[in-house]
Amino acid sequence: MMKNKDFWPYLALLVTIFLTSLAALFLNLGTSASLVVVNLRLPRLLAALIGGAAVGVSGLLLQAALRNVVADPGIIGVSASANFFALAFGILFPSFYLGKIIAAFVADDLTIVLLFYFSQKISPDRLILAGLGLNAAFSALEEVTGQNGMSLATSNWTSSLTLVFLAVPLLAAATILAPSLTYLKFSDSKLQSWGLEAGKLRLGLLAIAAFLAAAATASLGPVSFLGILAPQLARLLDSKGKNQLPLTLLAGSAILAAADTIGRLALGDLSATLLLAIVGGPVLIYLLIREGKA
């Protein structure tokens, strides 16, 4: 049974999501208010809530599997590879929307295989550097195409409902595997002494993290730093680490929806991605400094 003190973080995040949703849907409505809410704002809000949860949980799984608190799908190449492959497929076959989703999933699978291979060969810090290299390479390839990918601003009912269809089962699978996150705090040798296969466990978490990132990226484009911010907020709210995954899920939804709403209503339509980068950059630097001292 959940204790009262364990309930308050959930309540705080749920209230934040509720108030943000009201603001996102109903503030600054002009003419044809009902059409704006139903056709524009509601699918955008749904994409932010589900996509934020997907990216946040993806970051948490990556951090557990790679044993590095600064692992983030938008930083280590996972989202960038998915975005480039989806964008390239969209250029070649613009009318085949499902193909973009498949291309994003294939790209993330390849990137995760590379990261998993590197994780067996190099230290976690160098693995992050390898991921940054992959991110830079795929971001440069995207620039070569001269095209812009998906974003929250381009969300519609097709992209939002596709994201729901893909992400919700993956989030459920992540919830089932949530207890394994605790095991990965221990060394591989310790896990083997308990009869657990650390490699398979890590690969399973990486696969779900990749699929979540691919689903979100194909619908929203790459969202950097959210995979760091959501797990960090969950850790602040739950220092004992008992409820990391559900709190990260809610934190991801709250952060992305709030960033999109604040950027649209108060900052001259500033994109959520840029706003998260402004906040997430200093957080990343702080974590790197803290990990260096540890």
C-alpha atoms as a PDB file:
ATOM      1  CA  MET A   1       0.000   0.000   0.000  1.00  0.00           C
ATOM      2  CA  MET A   2       1.337   3.440  -0.985  1.00  0.00           C
ATOM      3  CA  LYS A   3       2.269   5.670   1.933  1.00  0.00           C
ATOM      4  CA  ASN A   4       1.060   9.275   2.074  1.00  0.00           C
ATOM      5  CA  LYS A   5       4.549  10.666   1.531  1.00  0.00           C
ATOM      6  CA  ASP A   6       4.927   8.483  -1.575  1.00  0.00           C
ATOM      7  CA  PHE A   7       1.652   9.814  -2.974  1.00  0.00           C
ATOM      8  CA  TRP A   8       2.578  13.516  -2.985  1.00  0.00           C
ATOM      9  CA  PRO A   9       5.061  13.377  -5.915  1.00  0.00           C
ATOM     10  CA  TYR A  10       2.409  11.706  -8.065  1.00  0.00           C
ATOM     11  CA  LEU A  11      -0.184  14.283  -7.052  1.00  0.00           C
ATOM     12  CA  ALA A  12       2.177  17.169  -7.803  1.00  0.00           C
ATOM     13  CA  LEU A  13       2.960  15.843 -11.282  1.00  0.00           C
ATOM     14  CA  LEU A  14      -0.676  15.033 -12.061  1.00  0.00           C
ATOM     15  CA  VAL A  15      -1.799  18.519 -10.998  1.00  0.00           C
ATOM     16  CA  THR A  16       0.959  20.030 -13.158  1.00  0.00           C
ATOM     17  CA  ILE A  17      -0.189  17.978 -16.139  1.00  0.00           C
ATOM     18  CA  PHE A  18      -3.838  18.929 -15.538  1.00  0.00           C
ATOM     19  CA  LEU A  19      -3.176  22.674 -15.254  1.00  0.00           C
ATOM     20  CA  THR A  20      -0.792  22.628 -18.207  1.00  0.00           C
ATOM     21  CA  SER A  21      -3.389  20.802 -20.299  1.00  0.00           C
ATOM     22  CA  LEU A  22      -6.037  23.416 -19.484  1.00  0.00           C
ATOM     23  CA  ALA A  23      -3.655  26.208 -20.449  1.00  0.00           C
ATOM     24  CA  ALA A  24      -2.554  24.436 -23.632  1.00  0.00           C
ATOM     25  CA  LEU A  25      -6.117  23.862 -24.784  1.00  0.00           C
ATOM     26  CA  PHE A  26      -8.014  26.980 -23.782  1.00  0.00           C
ATOM     27  CA  LEU A  27      -5.741  30.017 -23.298  1.00  0.00           C
ATOM     28  CA  ASN A  28      -5.588  32.682 -26.024  1.00  0.00           C
ATOM     29  CA  LEU A  29      -8.337  31.193 -28.154  1.00  0.00           C
ATOM     30  CA  GLY A  30      -9.416  33.315 -31.090  1.00  0.00           C
ATOM     31  CA  THR A  31     -12.162  32.718 -33.596  1.00  0.00           C
ATOM     32  CA  SER A  32     -13.436  29.194 -34.360  1.00  0.00           C
ATOM     33  CA  ALA A  33     -12.384  28.154 -30.872  1.00  0.00           C
ATOM     34  CA  SER A  34     -13.839  24.655 -31.002  1.00  0.00           C
ATOM     35  CA  LEU A  35     -12.099  23.855 -34.290  1.00  0.00           C
ATOM     36  CA  VAL A  36      -8.773  25.134 -32.956  1.00  0.00           C
ATOM     37  CA  VAL A  37      -9.059  23.031 -29.802  1.00  0.00           C
ATOM     38  CA  VAL A  38     -10.150  19.820 -31.523  1.00  0.00           C
ATOM     39  CA  ASN A  39      -8.066  19.935 -34.695  1.00  0.00           C
ATOM     40  CA  LEU A  40      -4.891  21.706 -33.554  1.00  0.00           C
ATOM     41  CA  ARG A  41      -4.385  21.925 -29.817  1.00  0.00           C
ATOM     42  CA  LEU A  42      -5.718  18.558 -28.673  1.00  0.00           C
ATOM     43  CA  PRO A  43      -3.529  16.395 -30.951  1.00  0.00           C
ATOM     44  CA  ARG A  44      -0.529  18.589 -30.104  1.00  0.00           C
ATOM     45  CA  LEU A  45      -1.163  18.204 -26.373  1.00  0.00           C
ATOM     46  CA  LEU A  46      -1.655  14.438 -26.748  1.00  0.00           C
ATOM     47  CA  ALA A  47       1.635  14.191 -28.652  1.00  0.00           C
ATOM     48  CA  ALA A  48       3.430  16.179 -25.946  1.00  0.00           C
ATOM     49  CA  LEU A  49       2.062  14.040 -23.110  1.00  0.00           C
ATOM     50  CA  ILE A  50       2.690  10.641 -24.722  1.00  0.00           C
ATOM     51  CA  GLY A  51       5.919  11.692 -26.431  1.00  0.00           C
ATOM     52  CA  GLY A  52       7.259  13.239 -23.245  1.00  0.00           C
ATOM     53  CA  ALA A  53       6.556  10.039 -21.327  1.00  0.00           C
ATOM     54  CA  ALA A  54       8.235   7.963 -24.050  1.00  0.00           C
ATOM     55  CA  VAL A  55      11.396  10.081 -24.199  1.00  0.00           C
ATOM     56  CA  GLY A  56      11.657  10.359 -20.411  1.00  0.00           C
ATOM     57  CA  VAL A  57      11.346   6.607 -19.861  1.00  0.00           C
ATOM     58  CA  SER A  58      13.714   5.954 -22.763  1.00  0.00           C
ATOM     59  CA  GLY A  59      16.318   8.115 -21.024  1.00  0.00           C
ATOM     60  CA  LEU A  60      15.820   6.295 -17.727  1.00  0.00           C
ATOM     61  CA  LEU A  61      16.261   2.888 -19.376  1.00  0.00           C
ATOM     62  CA  LEU A  62      19.350   4.052 -21.254  1.00  0.00           C
ATOM     63  CA  GLN A  63      20.896   5.383 -18.058  1.00  0.00           C
ATOM     64  CA  ALA A  64      20.264   2.106 -16.247  1.00  0.00           C
ATOM     65  CA  ALA A  65      21.507  -0.074 -19.103  1.00  0.00           C
ATOM     66  CA  LEU A  66      24.603   2.027 -19.819  1.00  0.00           C
ATOM     67  CA  ARG A  67      25.167   2.949 -16.148  1.00  0.00           C
ATOM     68  CA  ASN A  68      25.503   6.617 -16.940  1.00  0.00           C
ATOM     69  CA  VAL A  69      23.175   9.353 -15.662  1.00  0.00           C
ATOM     70  CA  VAL A  70      23.780  11.570 -18.703  1.00  0.00           C
ATOM     71  CA  ALA A  71      22.623   9.016 -21.271  1.00  0.00           C
ATOM     72  CA  ASP A  72      19.806  10.600 -23.274  1.00  0.00           C
ATOM     73  CA  PRO A  73      18.303   9.468 -26.604  1.00  0.00           C
ATOM     74  CA  GLY A  74      18.528  13.014 -27.920  1.00  0.00           C
ATOM     75  CA  ILE A  75      22.224  13.322 -27.091  1.00  0.00           C
ATOM     76  CA  ILE A  76      23.834   9.945 -27.822  1.00  0.00           C
ATOM     77  CA  GLY A  77      22.594   9.527 -31.378  1.00  0.00           C
ATOM     78  CA  VAL A  78      19.456   7.432 -30.854  1.00  0.00           C
ATOM     79  CA  SER A  79      16.957  10.165 -31.731  1.00  0.00           C
ATOM     80  CA  ALA A  80      19.168  11.729 -34.414  1.00  0.00           C
ATOM     81  CA  SER A  81      19.521   8.446 -36.302  1.00  0.00           C
ATOM     82  CA  ALA A  82      15.764   7.812 -36.135  1.00  0.00           C
ATOM     83  CA  ASN A  83      15.011  11.343 -37.310  1.00  0.00           C
ATOM     84  CA  PHE A  84      17.416  11.152 -40.255  1.00  0.00           C
ATOM     85  CA  PHE A  85      16.160   7.766 -41.473  1.00  0.00           C
ATOM     86  CA  ALA A  86      12.529   8.859 -41.117  1.00  0.00           C
ATOM     87  CA  LEU A  87      13.274  12.120 -42.915  1.00  0.00           C
ATOM     88  CA  ALA A  88      15.166  10.384 -45.719  1.00  0.00           C
ATOM     89  CA  PHE A  89      12.362   7.857 -46.179  1.00  0.00           C
ATOM     90  CA  GLY A  90       9.809  10.665 -46.198  1.00  0.00           C
ATOM     91  CA  ILE A  91      11.704  12.400 -48.999  1.00  0.00           C
ATOM     92  CA  LEU A  92      11.788   9.219 -51.103  1.00  0.00           C
ATOM     93  CA  PHE A  93       8.241   8.079 -50.311  1.00  0.00           C
ATOM     94  CA  PRO A  94       6.290  11.120 -49.054  1.00  0.00           C
ATOM     95  CA  SER A  95       2.882   9.416 -49.057  1.00  0.00           C
ATOM     96  CA  PHE A  96       3.939   6.323 -47.065  1.00  0.00           C
ATOM     97  CA  TYR A  97       3.689   7.569 -43.471  1.00  0.00           C
ATOM     98  CA  LEU A  98       4.043   4.113 -41.887  1.00  0.00           C
ATOM     99  CA  GLY A  99       7.317   3.673 -43.751  1.00  0.00           C
ATOM    100  CA  LYS A 100       8.776   6.622 -41.856  1.00  0.00           C
ATOM    101  CA  ILE A 101       7.933   4.888 -38.580  1.00  0.00           C
ATOM    102  CA  ILE A 102       9.559   1.649 -39.755  1.00  0.00           C
ATOM    103  CA  ALA A 103      12.656   3.532 -40.928  1.00  0.00           C
ATOM    104  CA  ALA A 104      12.962   5.223 -37.523  1.00  0.00           C
ATOM    105  CA  PHE A 105      12.713   1.874 -35.733  1.00  0.00           C
ATOM    106  CA  VAL A 106      15.354   0.292 -37.985  1.00  0.00           C
ATOM    107  CA  ALA A 107      17.710   3.223 -37.433  1.00  0.00           C
ATOM    108  CA  ASP A 108      17.340   3.046 -33.669  1.00  0.00           C
ATOM    109  CA  ASP A 109      17.924  -0.702 -33.703  1.00  0.00           C
ATOM    110  CA  LEU A 110      21.202  -0.203 -35.554  1.00  0.00           C
ATOM    111  CA  THR A 111      22.282   2.581 -33.221  1.00  0.00           C
ATOM    112  CA  ILE A 112      21.465   0.542 -30.111  1.00  0.00           C
ATOM    113  CA  VAL A 113      23.394  -2.445 -31.490  1.00  0.00           C
ATOM    114  CA  LEU A 114      26.415  -0.179 -31.963  1.00  0.00           C
ATOM    115  CA  LEU A 115      26.079   1.294 -28.472  1.00  0.00           C
ATOM    116  CA  PHE A 116      25.647  -2.151 -26.942  1.00  0.00           C
ATOM    117  CA  TYR A 117      28.762  -3.368 -28.759  1.00  0.00           C
ATOM    118  CA  PHE A 118      30.734  -0.336 -27.597  1.00  0.00           C
ATOM    119  CA  SER A 119      29.451  -0.802 -24.035  1.00  0.00           C
ATOM    120  CA  GLN A 120      31.285  -4.123 -23.874  1.00  0.00           C
ATOM    121  CA  LYS A 121      34.541  -2.550 -25.038  1.00  0.00           C
ATOM    122  CA  ILE A 122      34.851   0.909 -23.482  1.00  0.00           C
ATOM    123  CA  SER A 123      34.010   2.766 -20.276  1.00  0.00           C
ATOM    124  CA  PRO A 124      30.607   4.462 -19.782  1.00  0.00           C
ATOM    125  CA  ASP A 125      32.175   7.918 -20.173  1.00  0.00           C
ATOM    126  CA  ARG A 126      33.730   7.023 -23.503  1.00  0.00           C
ATOM    127  CA  LEU A 127      30.494   5.388 -24.570  1.00  0.00           C
ATOM    128  CA  ILE A 128      28.738   8.735 -24.158  1.00  0.00           C
ATOM    129  CA  LEU A 129      31.421  10.335 -26.321  1.00  0.00           C
ATOM    130  CA  ALA A 130      30.837   7.666 -28.968  1.00  0.00           C
ATOM    131  CA  GLY A 131      27.120   8.451 -28.796  1.00  0.00           C
ATOM    132  CA  LEU A 132      27.810  12.150 -29.177  1.00  0.00           C
ATOM    133  CA  GLY A 133      29.815  11.332 -32.288  1.00  0.00           C
ATOM    134  CA  LEU A 134      26.890   9.373 -33.729  1.00  0.00           C
ATOM    135  CA  ASN A 135      24.544  12.235 -32.876  1.00  0.00           C
ATOM    136  CA  ALA A 136      26.778  14.759 -34.644  1.00  0.00           C
ATOM    137  CA  ALA A 137      27.086  12.542 -37.722  1.00  0.00           C
ATOM    138  CA  PHE A 138      23.351  11.977 -38.146  1.00  0.00           C
ATOM    139  CA  SER A 139      22.557  15.637 -37.385  1.00  0.00           C
ATOM    140  CA  ALA A 140      24.994  16.660 -40.132  1.00  0.00           C
ATOM    141  CA  LEU A 141      23.366  14.235 -42.565  1.00  0.00           C
ATOM    142  CA  GLU A 142      20.000  15.773 -41.736  1.00  0.00           C
ATOM    143  CA  GLU A 143      21.376  19.206 -42.568  1.00  0.00           C
ATOM    144  CA  VAL A 144      22.544  17.882 -45.935  1.00  0.00           C
ATOM    145  CA  THR A 145      18.983  16.940 -46.861  1.00  0.00           C
ATOM    146  CA  GLY A 146      17.873  20.536 -46.331  1.00  0.00           C
ATOM    147  CA  GLN A 147      14.573  19.293 -44.901  1.00  0.00           C
ATOM    148  CA  ASN A 148      12.917  19.764 -41.522  1.00  0.00           C
ATOM    149  CA  GLY A 149      11.483  16.743 -39.739  1.00  0.00           C
ATOM    150  CA  MET A 150       8.459  16.414 -37.503  1.00  0.00           C
ATOM    151  CA  SER A 151       7.865  18.589 -34.454  1.00  0.00           C
ATOM    152  CA  LEU A 152       5.124  19.301 -31.948  1.00  0.00           C
ATOM    153  CA  ALA A 153       4.043  22.227 -34.109  1.00  0.00           C
ATOM    154  CA  THR A 154       3.290  19.838 -36.993  1.00  0.00           C
ATOM    155  CA  SER A 155       1.331  17.368 -34.845  1.00  0.00           C
ATOM    156  CA  ASN A 156      -2.008  16.167 -36.189  1.00  0.00           C
ATOM    157  CA  TRP A 157      -4.412  13.377 -35.306  1.00  0.00           C
ATOM    158  CA  THR A 158      -2.612  10.878 -37.560  1.00  0.00           C
ATOM    159  CA  SER A 159       0.813  11.401 -36.012  1.00  0.00           C
ATOM    160  CA  SER A 160      -0.520  11.691 -32.458  1.00  0.00           C
ATOM    161  CA  LEU A 161      -2.676   8.562 -32.572  1.00  0.00           C
ATOM    162  CA  THR A 162       0.166   6.633 -34.230  1.00  0.00           C
ATOM    163  CA  LEU A 163       2.402   7.693 -31.362  1.00  0.00           C
ATOM    164  CA  VAL A 164      -0.196   6.524 -28.828  1.00  0.00           C
ATOM    165  CA  PHE A 165      -0.574   3.170 -30.607  1.00  0.00           C
ATOM    166  CA  LEU A 166       3.198   2.602 -30.603  1.00  0.00           C
ATOM    167  CA  ALA A 167       4.279   4.121 -27.295  1.00  0.00           C
ATOM    168  CA  VAL A 168       1.617   2.905 -24.855  1.00  0.00           C
ATOM    169  CA  PRO A 169       2.424  -0.847 -25.238  1.00  0.00           C
ATOM    170  CA  LEU A 170       6.146  -0.043 -24.969  1.00  0.00           C
ATOM    171  CA  LEU A 171       5.569   1.987 -21.805  1.00  0.00           C
ATOM    172  CA  ALA A 172       3.616  -0.964 -20.398  1.00  0.00           C
ATOM    173  CA  ALA A 173       6.527  -3.287 -21.231  1.00  0.00           C
ATOM    174  CA  ALA A 174       8.947  -0.875 -19.541  1.00  0.00           C
ATOM    175  CA  THR A 175       6.753  -0.891 -16.442  1.00  0.00           C
ATOM    176  CA  ILE A 176       6.916  -4.690 -16.318  1.00  0.00           C
ATOM    177  CA  LEU A 177      10.722  -4.537 -16.505  1.00  0.00           C
ATOM    178  CA  ALA A 178      10.959  -1.714 -13.944  1.00  0.00           C
ATOM    179  CA  PRO A 179      12.244  -3.975 -11.102  1.00  0.00           C
ATOM    180  CA  SER A 180      15.289  -4.875 -13.203  1.00  0.00           C
ATOM    181  CA  LEU A 181      16.464  -1.248 -13.046  1.00  0.00           C
ATOM    182  CA  THR A 182      17.512  -1.877  -9.443  1.00  0.00           C
ATOM    183  CA  TYR A 183      19.619  -4.886 -10.408  1.00  0.00           C
ATOM    184  CA  LEU A 184      21.729  -2.918 -12.862  1.00  0.00           C
ATOM    185  CA  LYS A 185      23.070  -0.779 -10.033  1.00  0.00           C
ATOM    186  CA  PHE A 186      25.304  -3.736  -9.206  1.00  0.00           C
ATOM    187  CA  SER A 187      28.272  -5.037 -11.189  1.00  0.00           C
ATOM    188  CA  ASP A 188      27.876  -7.715 -13.845  1.00  0.00           C
ATOM    189  CA  SER A 189      29.895 -10.174 -11.753  1.00  0.00           C
ATOM    190  CA  LYS A 190      27.574  -9.602  -8.794  1.00  0.00           C
ATOM    191  CA  LEU A 191      24.517 -10.173 -10.971  1.00  0.00           C
ATOM    192  CA  GLN A 192      26.006 -13.362 -12.382  1.00  0.00           C
ATOM    193  CA  SER A 193      26.578 -14.660  -8.861  1.00  0.00           C
ATOM    194  CA  TRP A 194      22.814 -14.199  -8.341  1.00  0.00           C
ATOM    195  CA  GLY A 195      22.023 -16.167 -11.487  1.00  0.00           C
ATOM    196  CA  LEU A 196      21.089 -13.116 -13.590  1.00  0.00           C
ATOM    197  CA  GLU A 197      22.413 -12.555 -17.113  1.00  0.00           C
ATOM    198  CA  ALA A 198      23.388  -8.896 -17.111  1.00  0.00           C
ATOM    199  CA  GLY A 199      24.010  -8.744 -20.860  1.00  0.00           C
ATOM    200  CA  LYS A 200      20.537  -9.957 -21.813  1.00  0.00           C
ATOM    201  CA  LEU A 201      18.928  -7.740 -19.215  1.00  0.00           C
ATOM    202  CA  ARG A 202      20.801  -4.700 -20.488  1.00  0.00           C
ATOM    203  CA  LEU A 203      20.020  -5.524 -24.105  1.00  0.00           C
ATOM    204  CA  GLY A 204      16.302  -5.845 -23.319  1.00  0.00           C
ATOM    205  CA  LEU A 205      16.233  -2.422 -21.665  1.00  0.00           C
ATOM    206  CA  LEU A 206      18.189  -0.900 -24.546  1.00  0.00           C
ATOM    207  CA  ALA A 207      15.737  -2.364 -27.062  1.00  0.00           C
ATOM    208  CA  ILE A 208      12.692  -0.885 -25.306  1.00  0.00           C
ATOM    209  CA  ALA A 209      14.521   2.438 -24.887  1.00  0.00           C
ATOM    210  CA  ALA A 210      15.306   2.484 -28.615  1.00  0.00           C
ATOM    211  CA  PHE A 211      11.729   1.667 -29.645  1.00  0.00           C
ATOM    212  CA  LEU A 212      10.337   4.375 -27.349  1.00  0.00           C
ATOM    213  CA  ALA A 213      12.780   6.930 -28.744  1.00  0.00           C
ATOM    214  CA  ALA A 214      11.965   5.883 -32.316  1.00  0.00           C
ATOM    215  CA  ALA A 215       8.215   6.175 -31.763  1.00  0.00           C
ATOM    216  CA  ALA A 216       8.583   9.638 -30.237  1.00  0.00           C
ATOM    217  CA  THR A 217      11.104  10.880 -32.790  1.00  0.00           C
ATOM    218  CA  ALA A 218       9.066   9.757 -35.787  1.00  0.00           C
ATOM    219  CA  SER A 219       6.154  11.855 -34.481  1.00  0.00           C
ATOM    220  CA  LEU A 220       7.908  14.772 -32.727  1.00  0.00           C
ATOM    221  CA  GLY A 221      11.414  14.926 -34.131  1.00  0.00           C
ATOM    222  CA  PRO A 222      14.440  14.685 -31.815  1.00  0.00           C
ATOM    223  CA  VAL A 223      13.847  16.037 -28.293  1.00  0.00           C
ATOM    224  CA  SER A 224      17.164  16.476 -26.505  1.00  0.00           C
ATOM    225  CA  PHE A 225      17.733  16.714 -22.736  1.00  0.00           C
ATOM    226  CA  LEU A 226      14.238  15.479 -21.793  1.00  0.00           C
ATOM    227  CA  GLY A 227      15.699  12.012 -21.239  1.00  0.00           C
ATOM    228  CA  ILE A 228      17.958  13.582 -18.611  1.00  0.00           C
ATOM    229  CA  LEU A 229      15.553  16.084 -17.062  1.00  0.00           C
ATOM    230  CA  ALA A 230      12.640  13.669 -16.476  1.00  0.00           C
ATOM    231  CA  PRO A 231      14.667  10.968 -14.650  1.00  0.00           C
ATOM    232  CA  GLN A 232      16.492  13.635 -12.622  1.00  0.00           C
ATOM    233  CA  LEU A 233      13.200  15.181 -11.520  1.00  0.00           C
ATOM    234  CA  ALA A 234      11.935  11.697 -10.604  1.00  0.00           C
ATOM    235  CA  ARG A 235      15.060  11.123  -8.497  1.00  0.00           C
ATOM    236  CA  LEU A 236      14.506  14.416  -6.695  1.00  0.00           C
ATOM    237  CA  LEU A 237      10.928  13.440  -5.913  1.00  0.00           C
ATOM    238  CA  ASP A 238      11.860   9.880  -4.916  1.00  0.00           C
ATOM    239  CA  SER A 239      15.345   9.815  -3.412  1.00  0.00           C
ATOM    240  CA  LYS A 240      14.973   6.155  -2.386  1.00  0.00           C
ATOM    241  CA  GLY A 241      14.464   5.117  -6.015  1.00  0.00           C
ATOM    242  CA  LYS A 242      11.415   2.925  -5.373  1.00  0.00           C
ATOM    243  CA  ASN A 243       9.157   4.535  -7.984  1.00  0.00           C
ATOM    244  CA  GLN A 244      11.592   5.810 -10.594  1.00  0.00           C
ATOM    245  CA  LEU A 245       9.818   4.599 -13.712  1.00  0.00           C
ATOM    246  CA  PRO A 246       6.232   5.794 -13.071  1.00  0.00           C
ATOM    247  CA  LEU A 247       7.502   9.132 -11.764  1.00  0.00           C
ATOM    248  CA  THR A 248       9.778   9.511 -14.792  1.00  0.00           C
ATOM    249  CA  LEU A 249       6.836   8.751 -17.071  1.00  0.00           C
ATOM    250  CA  LEU A 250       4.721  11.480 -15.470  1.00  0.00           C
ATOM    251  CA  ALA A 251       7.663  13.884 -15.276  1.00  0.00           C
ATOM    252  CA  GLY A 252       8.380  13.461 -18.988  1.00  0.00           C
ATOM    253  CA  SER A 253       4.762  14.240 -19.849  1.00  0.00           C
ATOM    254  CA  ALA A 254       4.647  17.249 -17.528  1.00  0.00           C
ATOM    255  CA  ILE A 255       7.968  18.722 -18.691  1.00  0.00           C
ATOM    256  CA  LEU A 256       7.362  18.451 -22.438  1.00  0.00           C
ATOM    257  CA  ALA A 257       3.743  19.657 -22.234  1.00  0.00           C
ATOM    258  CA  ALA A 258       4.786  22.586 -20.023  1.00  0.00           C
ATOM    259  CA  ALA A 259       7.737  23.492 -22.270  1.00  0.00           C
ATOM    260  CA  ASP A 260       5.537  23.451 -25.369  1.00  0.00           C
ATOM    261  CA  THR A 261       2.775  25.473 -23.709  1.00  0.00           C
ATOM    262  CA  ILE A 262       5.107  28.073 -22.193  1.00  0.00           C
ATOM    263  CA  GLY A 263       7.063  28.411 -25.436  1.00  0.00           C
ATOM    264  CA  ARG A 264       3.888  28.839 -27.492  1.00  0.00           C
ATOM    265  CA  LEU A 265       1.954  31.161 -25.191  1.00  0.00           C
ATOM    266  CA  ALA A 266       4.603  33.200 -23.366  1.00  0.00           C
ATOM    267  CA  LEU A 267       7.797  33.166 -25.434  1.00  0.00           C
ATOM    268  CA  GLY A 268       6.730  34.035 -28.941  1.00  0.00           C
ATOM    269  CA  ASP A 269       6.145  30.458 -30.129  1.00  0.00           C
ATOM    270  CA  LEU A 270       9.582  29.263 -29.007  1.00  0.00           C
ATOM    271  CA  SER A 271       9.871  25.551 -29.712  1.00  0.00           C
ATOM    272  CA  ALA A 272       9.871  23.128 -26.787  1.00  0.00           C
ATOM    273  CA  THR A 273      13.127  21.627 -28.072  1.00  0.00           C
ATOM    274  CA  LEU A 274      14.954  24.943 -27.758  1.00  0.00           C
ATOM    275  CA  LEU A 275      13.460  25.664 -24.354  1.00  0.00           C
ATOM    276  CA  LEU A 276      14.517  22.241 -23.079  1.00  0.00           C
ATOM    277  CA  ALA A 277      18.017  22.822 -24.416  1.00  0.00           C
ATOM    278  CA  ILE A 278      18.228  26.122 -22.516  1.00  0.00           C
ATOM    279  CA  VAL A 279      17.283  24.358 -19.288  1.00  0.00           C
ATOM    280  CA  GLY A 280      18.902  20.995 -19.979  1.00  0.00           C
ATOM    281  CA  GLY A 281      22.335  22.279 -20.976  1.00  0.00           C
ATOM    282  CA  PRO A 282      23.242  23.566 -17.498  1.00  0.00           C
ATOM    283  CA  VAL A 283      21.753  20.421 -15.915  1.00  0.00           C
ATOM    284  CA  LEU A 284      23.970  18.263 -18.135  1.00  0.00           C
ATOM    285  CA  ILE A 285      27.060  20.282 -17.173  1.00  0.00           C
ATOM    286  CA  TYR A 286      26.176  19.952 -13.483  1.00  0.00           C
ATOM    287  CA  LEU A 287      25.754  16.184 -13.788  1.00  0.00           C
ATOM    288  CA  LEU A 288      29.050  15.819 -15.633  1.00  0.00           C
ATOM    289  CA  ILE A 289      30.832  17.796 -12.913  1.00  0.00           C
ATOM    290  CA  ARG A 290      29.132  15.797 -10.170  1.00  0.00           C
ATOM    291  CA  GLU A 291      29.996  12.479 -11.812  1.00  0.00           C
ATOM    292  CA  GLY A 292      33.591  13.640 -12.239  1.00  0.00           C
ATOM    293  CA  LYS A 293      33.876  14.318  -8.516  1.00  0.00           C
ATOM    294  CA  ALA A 294      32.238  11.025  -7.510  1.00  0.00           C
END
